[in-house]
Amino acid sequence: MGTENRQAFIAALARAHGSRLRRFLELKLRGASADASDLVQDVYLRLLRMPRHETIRSPQAYLFTVARNVLYEHRLSHASAPKAVEMDEVLAEIEAYVQDDAGAYIDAVRQLEQFDQALSGVSPRAYATFVLQRRYGYTLDEIARQLGVSRPMVKKYLAKAVEHCRQHFEGVR
């Protein structure tokens, strides 16, 4: 009896709020609709595991609370392993700028290798913050949302990465 009631409860929630839940997650994920589909499914699975659904006073509010928690965990799992910067892509970009000057190309590659070496000593989040801000032009607020941390924490990560690079390059010169 409990499982059938719970399934009916979830089905009613899905009918009433499913499209809004999907739009909410897509907006928060910035258009990554493949991830949004998985997260919608995770939300409903968590609701199915809930032992006493009849105690929920506001099903819509509860649905979106669960969705925020699923989204938060999704961001944490993706933030713990920052995306690696493909050196081939960066080198191809540099090559496009310095095709005519082999010396400039070699110098640019050397500088990139030094930056990569300097950043190897910082935490993964500080590394991701530095790359997202300096390489891809993300704002501090965008990085905070991406990593699931506060804006002041992003500033701390960035300061650590910059200071680490500064110390590294003082030793190189």
N, C-alpha and C. Protein backbone atom coordinates (compact mmCIF):
# COMPACT_ATOMS: atom_id res chain seq x y z
N MET A 1 0.82 -1.20 0.00
CA MET A 1 0.00 0.00 0.00
C MET A 1 0.87 1.26 0.00
N GLY A 2 1.91 1.31 0.81
CA GLY A 2 2.75 2.48 0.92
C GLY A 2 3.48 2.80 -0.37
N THR A 3 3.96 1.76 -1.05
CA THR A 3 4.70 1.96 -2.30
C THR A 3 3.78 2.49 -3.38
N GLU A 4 2.57 1.96 -3.49
CA GLU A 4 1.63 2.43 -4.50
C GLU A 4 1.24 3.88 -4.24
N ASN A 5 0.98 4.23 -2.98
CA ASN A 5 0.66 5.61 -2.63
C ASN A 5 1.81 6.55 -2.96
N ARG A 6 3.03 6.10 -2.65
CA ARG A 6 4.21 6.91 -2.91
C ARG A 6 4.38 7.13 -4.42
N GLN A 7 4.19 6.06 -5.20
CA GLN A 7 4.31 6.18 -6.65
C GLN A 7 3.24 7.11 -7.22
N ALA A 8 2.03 7.03 -6.68
CA ALA A 8 0.96 7.93 -7.13
C ALA A 8 1.30 9.37 -6.75
N PHE A 9 1.86 9.55 -5.57
CA PHE A 9 2.27 10.88 -5.11
C PHE A 9 3.33 11.47 -6.05
N ILE A 10 4.34 10.66 -6.40
CA ILE A 10 5.42 11.10 -7.29
C ILE A 10 4.86 11.39 -8.69
N ALA A 11 3.98 10.54 -9.17
CA ALA A 11 3.39 10.75 -10.50
C ALA A 11 2.59 12.06 -10.53
N ALA A 12 1.86 12.34 -9.47
CA ALA A 12 1.10 13.60 -9.40
C ALA A 12 2.04 14.80 -9.38
N LEU A 13 3.13 14.70 -8.63
CA LEU A 13 4.14 15.77 -8.61
C LEU A 13 4.75 15.97 -9.99
N ALA A 14 5.05 14.88 -10.66
CA ALA A 14 5.66 14.96 -11.99
C ALA A 14 4.70 15.62 -12.98
N ARG A 15 3.45 15.27 -12.92
CA ARG A 15 2.47 15.90 -13.82
C ARG A 15 2.32 17.38 -13.53
N ALA A 16 2.24 17.73 -12.26
CA ALA A 16 1.98 19.12 -11.88
C ALA A 16 3.21 20.02 -12.02
N HIS A 17 4.39 19.48 -11.74
CA HIS A 17 5.58 20.35 -11.65
C HIS A 17 6.77 19.86 -12.48
N GLY A 18 6.60 18.80 -13.25
CA GLY A 18 7.72 18.20 -13.98
C GLY A 18 8.39 19.15 -14.96
N SER A 19 7.60 19.86 -15.76
CA SER A 19 8.21 20.76 -16.75
C SER A 19 8.91 21.94 -16.06
N ARG A 20 8.33 22.42 -14.98
CA ARG A 20 8.95 23.52 -14.25
C ARG A 20 10.26 23.06 -13.59
N LEU A 21 10.24 21.84 -13.06
CA LEU A 21 11.46 21.28 -12.45
C LEU A 21 12.56 21.16 -13.50
N ARG A 22 12.22 20.68 -14.66
CA ARG A 22 13.21 20.53 -15.74
C ARG A 22 13.78 21.90 -16.15
N ARG A 23 12.91 22.89 -16.32
CA ARG A 23 13.39 24.24 -16.69
C ARG A 23 14.28 24.81 -15.60
N PHE A 24 13.89 24.60 -14.35
CA PHE A 24 14.69 25.07 -13.22
C PHE A 24 16.10 24.50 -13.28
N LEU A 25 16.21 23.18 -13.49
CA LEU A 25 17.53 22.54 -13.52
C LEU A 25 18.32 22.95 -14.75
N GLU A 26 17.66 23.06 -15.90
CA GLU A 26 18.36 23.50 -17.11
C GLU A 26 18.91 24.92 -16.94
N LEU A 27 18.12 25.79 -16.32
CA LEU A 27 18.57 27.16 -16.08
C LEU A 27 19.79 27.16 -15.17
N LYS A 28 19.74 26.39 -14.11
CA LYS A 28 20.85 26.33 -13.17
C LYS A 28 22.10 25.69 -13.78
N LEU A 29 21.88 24.77 -14.71
CA LEU A 29 23.01 24.09 -15.36
C LEU A 29 23.49 24.81 -16.61
N ARG A 30 22.87 25.94 -16.90
CA ARG A 30 23.23 26.75 -18.06
C ARG A 30 23.10 25.99 -19.37
N GLY A 31 21.97 25.30 -19.53
CA GLY A 31 21.66 24.66 -20.80
C GLY A 31 22.21 23.27 -21.00
N ALA A 32 22.80 22.65 -20.00
CA ALA A 32 23.29 21.27 -20.14
C ALA A 32 22.11 20.32 -19.96
N SER A 33 21.27 20.21 -20.99
CA SER A 33 20.02 19.48 -20.86
C SER A 33 20.22 17.99 -20.63
N ALA A 34 21.32 17.42 -21.09
CA ALA A 34 21.58 16.01 -20.82
C ALA A 34 21.73 15.78 -19.32
N ASP A 35 22.46 16.66 -18.65
CA ASP A 35 22.60 16.57 -17.20
C ASP A 35 21.27 16.84 -16.52
N ALA A 36 20.48 17.74 -17.05
CA ALA A 36 19.20 18.08 -16.44
C ALA A 36 18.29 16.86 -16.41
N SER A 37 18.26 16.08 -17.46
CA SER A 37 17.43 14.87 -17.50
C SER A 37 17.85 13.89 -16.41
N ASP A 38 19.14 13.72 -16.25
CA ASP A 38 19.64 12.82 -15.21
C ASP A 38 19.28 13.34 -13.82
N LEU A 39 19.38 14.64 -13.64
CA LEU A 39 19.09 15.21 -12.32
C LEU A 39 17.59 15.14 -12.00
N VAL A 40 16.75 15.34 -13.00
CA VAL A 40 15.30 15.19 -12.78
C VAL A 40 15.02 13.78 -12.30
N GLN A 41 15.62 12.81 -12.95
CA GLN A 41 15.43 11.42 -12.56
C GLN A 41 15.93 11.19 -11.13
N ASP A 42 17.09 11.76 -10.78
CA ASP A 42 17.59 11.63 -9.42
C ASP A 42 16.64 12.21 -8.39
N VAL A 43 16.02 13.34 -8.72
CA VAL A 43 15.06 13.97 -7.80
C VAL A 43 13.91 13.00 -7.52
N TYR A 44 13.35 12.45 -8.59
CA TYR A 44 12.21 11.54 -8.41
C TYR A 44 12.62 10.25 -7.69
N LEU A 45 13.82 9.77 -7.95
CA LEU A 45 14.29 8.57 -7.25
C LEU A 45 14.44 8.83 -5.75
N ARG A 46 14.93 10.00 -5.41
CA ARG A 46 15.05 10.33 -3.98
C ARG A 46 13.69 10.43 -3.32
N LEU A 47 12.75 10.99 -4.05
CA LEU A 47 11.40 11.08 -3.50
C LEU A 47 10.79 9.70 -3.33
N LEU A 48 11.07 8.78 -4.24
CA LEU A 48 10.57 7.41 -4.12
C LEU A 48 11.13 6.68 -2.91
N ARG A 49 12.35 7.04 -2.52
CA ARG A 49 12.99 6.40 -1.36
C ARG A 49 12.49 6.96 -0.04
N MET A 50 11.78 8.05 -0.09
CA MET A 50 11.33 8.70 1.14
C MET A 50 10.26 7.83 1.82
N PRO A 51 10.43 7.52 3.10
CA PRO A 51 9.51 6.60 3.76
C PRO A 51 8.10 7.16 4.04
N ARG A 52 7.99 8.44 4.34
CA ARG A 52 6.68 8.97 4.76
C ARG A 52 6.33 10.23 3.97
N HIS A 53 5.92 10.05 2.74
CA HIS A 53 5.59 11.18 1.88
C HIS A 53 4.36 11.94 2.35
N GLU A 54 3.50 11.28 3.09
CA GLU A 54 2.26 11.94 3.55
C GLU A 54 2.51 13.03 4.58
N THR A 55 3.72 13.11 5.13
CA THR A 55 4.03 14.14 6.12
C THR A 55 4.47 15.46 5.49
N ILE A 56 4.62 15.48 4.18
CA ILE A 56 5.07 16.69 3.49
C ILE A 56 3.92 17.69 3.44
N ARG A 57 4.17 18.88 3.95
CA ARG A 57 3.13 19.92 3.96
C ARG A 57 3.00 20.62 2.61
N SER A 58 4.13 20.90 1.99
CA SER A 58 4.12 21.60 0.71
C SER A 58 4.93 20.77 -0.31
N PRO A 59 4.26 19.90 -1.05
CA PRO A 59 4.98 19.03 -1.99
C PRO A 59 5.83 19.79 -3.01
N GLN A 60 5.33 20.91 -3.52
CA GLN A 60 6.09 21.67 -4.51
C GLN A 60 7.38 22.22 -3.89
N ALA A 61 7.29 22.79 -2.72
CA ALA A 61 8.48 23.32 -2.05
C ALA A 61 9.47 22.19 -1.74
N TYR A 62 8.96 21.06 -1.32
CA TYR A 62 9.82 19.92 -1.01
C TYR A 62 10.52 19.42 -2.28
N LEU A 63 9.77 19.34 -3.38
CA LEU A 63 10.33 18.91 -4.66
C LEU A 63 11.52 19.78 -5.06
N PHE A 64 11.36 21.09 -4.93
CA PHE A 64 12.44 21.99 -5.34
C PHE A 64 13.59 22.02 -4.33
N THR A 65 13.29 21.71 -3.08
CA THR A 65 14.36 21.57 -2.09
C THR A 65 15.22 20.36 -2.43
N VAL A 66 14.57 19.26 -2.76
CA VAL A 66 15.31 18.06 -3.16
C VAL A 66 16.11 18.36 -4.43
N ALA A 67 15.51 19.08 -5.38
CA ALA A 67 16.19 19.43 -6.63
C ALA A 67 17.44 20.27 -6.36
N ARG A 68 17.35 21.22 -5.44
CA ARG A 68 18.52 22.04 -5.09
C ARG A 68 19.63 21.18 -4.49
N ASN A 69 19.24 20.23 -3.64
CA ASN A 69 20.24 19.34 -3.04
C ASN A 69 20.91 18.46 -4.10
N VAL A 70 20.12 17.93 -5.02
CA VAL A 70 20.67 17.11 -6.11
C VAL A 70 21.62 17.96 -6.96
N LEU A 71 21.21 19.17 -7.26
CA LEU A 71 22.04 20.08 -8.06
C LEU A 71 23.34 20.41 -7.33
N TYR A 72 23.25 20.66 -6.04
CA TYR A 72 24.43 20.97 -5.24
C TYR A 72 25.41 19.79 -5.27
N GLU A 73 24.91 18.57 -5.09
CA GLU A 73 25.78 17.40 -5.11
C GLU A 73 26.38 17.18 -6.49
N HIS A 74 25.60 17.46 -7.52
CA HIS A 74 26.10 17.35 -8.90
C HIS A 74 27.26 18.33 -9.11
N ARG A 75 27.09 19.54 -8.67
CA ARG A 75 28.16 20.54 -8.83
C ARG A 75 29.40 20.16 -8.03
N LEU A 76 29.20 19.65 -6.82
CA LEU A 76 30.34 19.23 -6.02
C LEU A 76 31.11 18.11 -6.70
N SER A 77 30.39 17.17 -7.25
CA SER A 77 31.07 16.03 -7.89
C SER A 77 31.85 16.49 -9.12
N HIS A 78 31.36 17.51 -9.81
CA HIS A 78 32.07 18.01 -10.98
C HIS A 78 33.15 19.02 -10.61
N ALA A 79 33.00 19.68 -9.48
CA ALA A 79 34.00 20.67 -9.07
C ALA A 79 35.22 20.01 -8.44
N SER A 80 35.06 18.82 -7.88
CA SER A 80 36.19 18.18 -7.21
C SER A 80 37.26 17.76 -8.21
N ALA A 81 36.87 17.57 -9.44
CA ALA A 81 37.84 17.24 -10.47
C ALA A 81 37.72 18.27 -11.58
N PRO A 82 38.44 19.37 -11.46
CA PRO A 82 38.30 20.42 -12.47
C PRO A 82 38.68 19.92 -13.85
N LYS A 83 38.04 20.49 -14.83
CA LYS A 83 38.31 20.10 -16.21
C LYS A 83 39.76 20.44 -16.54
N ALA A 84 40.42 19.49 -17.15
CA ALA A 84 41.80 19.72 -17.55
C ALA A 84 41.81 20.60 -18.78
N VAL A 85 42.77 21.47 -18.82
CA VAL A 85 42.94 22.31 -19.99
C VAL A 85 43.75 21.49 -20.99
N GLU A 86 43.20 21.31 -22.15
CA GLU A 86 43.88 20.54 -23.17
C GLU A 86 45.01 21.39 -23.75
N MET A 87 46.22 20.95 -23.53
CA MET A 87 47.37 21.70 -24.01
C MET A 87 47.38 21.77 -25.54
N ASP A 88 46.87 20.72 -26.20
CA ASP A 88 46.83 20.74 -27.67
C ASP A 88 45.98 21.90 -28.18
N GLU A 89 44.83 22.13 -27.50
CA GLU A 89 43.96 23.24 -27.92
C GLU A 89 44.65 24.58 -27.71
N VAL A 90 45.29 24.73 -26.56
CA VAL A 90 45.97 25.98 -26.25
C VAL A 90 47.11 26.20 -27.23
N LEU A 91 47.85 25.15 -27.50
CA LEU A 91 48.97 25.27 -28.44
C LEU A 91 48.48 25.62 -29.84
N ALA A 92 47.33 25.05 -30.23
CA ALA A 92 46.78 25.37 -31.55
C ALA A 92 46.38 26.84 -31.63
N GLU A 93 45.81 27.37 -30.54
CA GLU A 93 45.46 28.79 -30.50
C GLU A 93 46.71 29.66 -30.61
N ILE A 94 47.73 29.28 -29.86
CA ILE A 94 48.97 30.07 -29.89
C ILE A 94 49.58 30.00 -31.29
N GLU A 95 49.55 28.82 -31.87
CA GLU A 95 50.12 28.64 -33.20
C GLU A 95 49.42 29.54 -34.21
N ALA A 96 48.11 29.69 -34.07
CA ALA A 96 47.37 30.55 -34.99
C ALA A 96 47.84 32.00 -34.88
N TYR A 97 48.24 32.43 -33.69
CA TYR A 97 48.69 33.80 -33.49
C TYR A 97 50.13 34.03 -33.92
N VAL A 98 50.95 33.01 -33.79
CA VAL A 98 52.38 33.22 -34.03
C VAL A 98 52.92 32.34 -35.16
N GLN A 99 52.10 32.04 -36.15
CA GLN A 99 52.51 31.16 -37.24
C GLN A 99 53.76 31.66 -37.95
N ASP A 100 53.86 32.93 -38.11
CA ASP A 100 54.96 33.48 -38.90
C ASP A 100 56.27 33.61 -38.11
N ASP A 101 56.20 33.53 -36.80
CA ASP A 101 57.38 33.77 -35.97
C ASP A 101 57.65 32.54 -35.09
N ALA A 102 58.57 31.69 -35.52
CA ALA A 102 58.88 30.47 -34.78
C ALA A 102 59.42 30.78 -33.38
N GLY A 103 60.18 31.84 -33.25
CA GLY A 103 60.73 32.22 -31.95
C GLY A 103 59.63 32.60 -30.97
N ALA A 104 58.64 33.33 -31.44
CA ALA A 104 57.51 33.72 -30.58
C ALA A 104 56.72 32.49 -30.16
N TYR A 105 56.56 31.54 -31.08
CA TYR A 105 55.84 30.31 -30.78
C TYR A 105 56.56 29.51 -29.69
N ILE A 106 57.86 29.35 -29.84
CA ILE A 106 58.63 28.60 -28.85
C ILE A 106 58.59 29.30 -27.49
N ASP A 107 58.69 30.62 -27.51
CA ASP A 107 58.61 31.38 -26.27
C ASP A 107 57.25 31.22 -25.60
N ALA A 108 56.17 31.26 -26.40
CA ALA A 108 54.82 31.10 -25.85
C ALA A 108 54.63 29.71 -25.26
N VAL A 109 55.13 28.69 -25.93
CA VAL A 109 55.02 27.32 -25.42
C VAL A 109 55.79 27.19 -24.11
N ARG A 110 56.96 27.78 -24.05
CA ARG A 110 57.77 27.73 -22.83
C ARG A 110 57.03 28.42 -21.67
N GLN A 111 56.42 29.57 -21.95
CA GLN A 111 55.66 30.27 -20.90
C GLN A 111 54.48 29.45 -20.42
N LEU A 112 53.77 28.79 -21.35
CA LEU A 112 52.64 27.95 -20.96
C LEU A 112 53.10 26.78 -20.08
N GLU A 113 54.22 26.18 -20.44
CA GLU A 113 54.75 25.08 -19.64
C GLU A 113 55.13 25.56 -18.24
N GLN A 114 55.67 26.77 -18.15
CA GLN A 114 56.02 27.32 -16.85
C GLN A 114 54.76 27.59 -16.01
N PHE A 115 53.72 28.11 -16.65
CA PHE A 115 52.46 28.33 -15.93
C PHE A 115 51.87 27.00 -15.47
N ASP A 116 51.90 26.01 -16.32
CA ASP A 116 51.37 24.70 -15.96
C ASP A 116 52.13 24.13 -14.77
N GLN A 117 53.46 24.28 -14.80
CA GLN A 117 54.29 23.81 -13.70
C GLN A 117 53.99 24.61 -12.42
N ALA A 118 53.82 25.90 -12.54
CA ALA A 118 53.53 26.74 -11.38
C ALA A 118 52.19 26.37 -10.76
N LEU A 119 51.21 26.10 -11.60
CA LEU A 119 49.86 25.80 -11.09
C LEU A 119 49.74 24.37 -10.58
N SER A 120 50.70 23.53 -10.87
CA SER A 120 50.62 22.15 -10.40
C SER A 120 50.70 22.07 -8.87
N GLY A 121 51.17 23.11 -8.23
CA GLY A 121 51.32 23.08 -6.79
C GLY A 121 50.14 23.63 -6.01
N VAL A 122 49.06 24.05 -6.70
CA VAL A 122 47.90 24.59 -5.98
C VAL A 122 46.80 23.54 -5.91
N SER A 123 45.80 23.79 -5.06
CA SER A 123 44.68 22.86 -4.91
C SER A 123 43.88 22.81 -6.22
N PRO A 124 43.14 21.72 -6.43
CA PRO A 124 42.34 21.62 -7.65
C PRO A 124 41.35 22.77 -7.82
N ARG A 125 40.76 23.25 -6.73
CA ARG A 125 39.80 24.35 -6.84
C ARG A 125 40.50 25.67 -7.16
N ALA A 126 41.68 25.89 -6.59
CA ALA A 126 42.42 27.10 -6.91
C ALA A 126 42.87 27.07 -8.38
N TYR A 127 43.29 25.90 -8.83
CA TYR A 127 43.67 25.72 -10.23
C TYR A 127 42.49 26.01 -11.14
N ALA A 128 41.34 25.40 -10.83
CA ALA A 128 40.14 25.60 -11.65
C ALA A 128 39.73 27.06 -11.66
N THR A 129 39.79 27.72 -10.51
CA THR A 129 39.43 29.13 -10.43
C THR A 129 40.33 29.97 -11.32
N PHE A 130 41.63 29.73 -11.23
CA PHE A 130 42.59 30.49 -12.03
C PHE A 130 42.33 30.29 -13.52
N VAL A 131 42.16 29.06 -13.93
CA VAL A 131 41.96 28.76 -15.35
C VAL A 131 40.64 29.34 -15.84
N LEU A 132 39.57 29.15 -15.05
CA LEU A 132 38.26 29.67 -15.47
C LEU A 132 38.28 31.19 -15.59
N GLN A 133 38.97 31.85 -14.67
CA GLN A 133 38.98 33.31 -14.69
C GLN A 133 39.95 33.87 -15.72
N ARG A 134 41.17 33.38 -15.74
CA ARG A 134 42.20 33.95 -16.61
C ARG A 134 42.12 33.44 -18.04
N ARG A 135 41.80 32.17 -18.20
CA ARG A 135 41.79 31.58 -19.54
C ARG A 135 40.45 31.75 -20.24
N TYR A 136 39.36 31.52 -19.49
CA TYR A 136 38.04 31.52 -20.11
C TYR A 136 37.21 32.75 -19.81
N GLY A 137 37.71 33.66 -18.98
CA GLY A 137 37.05 34.92 -18.74
C GLY A 137 35.80 34.86 -17.86
N TYR A 138 35.65 33.81 -17.07
CA TYR A 138 34.50 33.72 -16.17
C TYR A 138 34.60 34.82 -15.11
N THR A 139 33.46 35.32 -14.69
CA THR A 139 33.44 36.27 -13.58
C THR A 139 33.55 35.49 -12.28
N LEU A 140 33.83 36.21 -11.19
CA LEU A 140 33.92 35.54 -9.89
C LEU A 140 32.59 34.91 -9.51
N ASP A 141 31.49 35.58 -9.82
CA ASP A 141 30.17 35.02 -9.51
C ASP A 141 29.90 33.75 -10.32
N GLU A 142 30.29 33.75 -11.58
CA GLU A 142 30.10 32.55 -12.41
C GLU A 142 30.94 31.38 -11.89
N ILE A 143 32.14 31.67 -11.47
CA ILE A 143 33.00 30.61 -10.92
C ILE A 143 32.40 30.10 -9.61
N ALA A 144 31.90 30.99 -8.78
CA ALA A 144 31.28 30.58 -7.52
C ALA A 144 30.12 29.63 -7.78
N ARG A 145 29.28 29.98 -8.76
CA ARG A 145 28.16 29.09 -9.09
C ARG A 145 28.66 27.76 -9.64
N GLN A 146 29.67 27.81 -10.47
CA GLN A 146 30.21 26.60 -11.09
C GLN A 146 30.79 25.65 -10.04
N LEU A 147 31.51 26.20 -9.08
CA LEU A 147 32.15 25.37 -8.06
C LEU A 147 31.26 25.13 -6.85
N GLY A 148 30.16 25.87 -6.76
CA GLY A 148 29.26 25.69 -5.62
C GLY A 148 29.83 26.26 -4.33
N VAL A 149 30.57 27.37 -4.45
CA VAL A 149 31.15 28.03 -3.27
C VAL A 149 30.76 29.51 -3.29
N SER A 150 31.11 30.20 -2.24
CA SER A 150 30.79 31.63 -2.16
C SER A 150 31.78 32.45 -2.99
N ARG A 151 31.38 33.67 -3.32
CA ARG A 151 32.25 34.58 -4.07
C ARG A 151 33.55 34.88 -3.30
N PRO A 152 33.46 35.14 -1.96
CA PRO A 152 34.71 35.37 -1.21
C PRO A 152 35.65 34.16 -1.26
N MET A 153 35.09 32.95 -1.30
CA MET A 153 35.94 31.76 -1.38
C MET A 153 36.64 31.71 -2.73
N VAL A 154 35.94 32.10 -3.79
CA VAL A 154 36.55 32.15 -5.13
C VAL A 154 37.70 33.14 -5.13
N LYS A 155 37.51 34.30 -4.49
CA LYS A 155 38.58 35.29 -4.41
C LYS A 155 39.79 34.72 -3.68
N LYS A 156 39.55 33.93 -2.63
CA LYS A 156 40.66 33.31 -1.90
C LYS A 156 41.40 32.30 -2.78
N TYR A 157 40.64 31.47 -3.51
CA TYR A 157 41.27 30.51 -4.42
C TYR A 157 42.12 31.22 -5.46
N LEU A 158 41.56 32.28 -6.04
CA LEU A 158 42.28 33.03 -7.07
C LEU A 158 43.54 33.67 -6.49
N ALA A 159 43.43 34.24 -5.31
CA ALA A 159 44.59 34.87 -4.67
C ALA A 159 45.68 33.83 -4.40
N LYS A 160 45.28 32.63 -3.95
CA LYS A 160 46.27 31.58 -3.70
C LYS A 160 46.98 31.18 -4.99
N ALA A 161 46.22 31.02 -6.07
CA ALA A 161 46.82 30.62 -7.35
C ALA A 161 47.76 31.70 -7.87
N VAL A 162 47.33 32.95 -7.80
CA VAL A 162 48.16 34.06 -8.28
C VAL A 162 49.43 34.17 -7.44
N GLU A 163 49.29 34.08 -6.14
CA GLU A 163 50.46 34.17 -5.25
C GLU A 163 51.41 33.00 -5.51
N HIS A 164 50.86 31.83 -5.72
CA HIS A 164 51.69 30.66 -6.01
C HIS A 164 52.47 30.86 -7.31
N CYS A 165 51.79 31.39 -8.33
CA CYS A 165 52.47 31.68 -9.60
C CYS A 165 53.53 32.74 -9.42
N ARG A 166 53.20 33.78 -8.65
CA ARG A 166 54.16 34.87 -8.43
C ARG A 166 55.43 34.32 -7.77
N GLN A 167 55.25 33.50 -6.74
CA GLN A 167 56.42 32.92 -6.06
C GLN A 167 57.20 32.00 -6.99
N HIS A 168 56.49 31.25 -7.80
CA HIS A 168 57.16 30.35 -8.75
C HIS A 168 58.00 31.13 -9.76
N PHE A 169 57.43 32.20 -10.30
CA PHE A 169 58.13 32.95 -11.33
C PHE A 169 59.24 33.82 -10.76
N GLU A 170 59.16 34.20 -9.49
CA GLU A 170 60.28 34.92 -8.87
C GLU A 170 61.50 34.02 -8.80
N GLY A 171 61.28 32.73 -8.58
CA GLY A 171 62.38 31.77 -8.52
C GLY A 171 62.94 31.43 -9.88
N VAL A 172 62.14 31.60 -10.96
CA VAL A 172 62.57 31.25 -12.31
C VAL A 172 63.49 32.29 -12.89
N ARG A 173 63.22 33.54 -12.60
CA ARG A 173 63.99 34.64 -13.21
C ARG A 173 65.32 34.73 -12.64
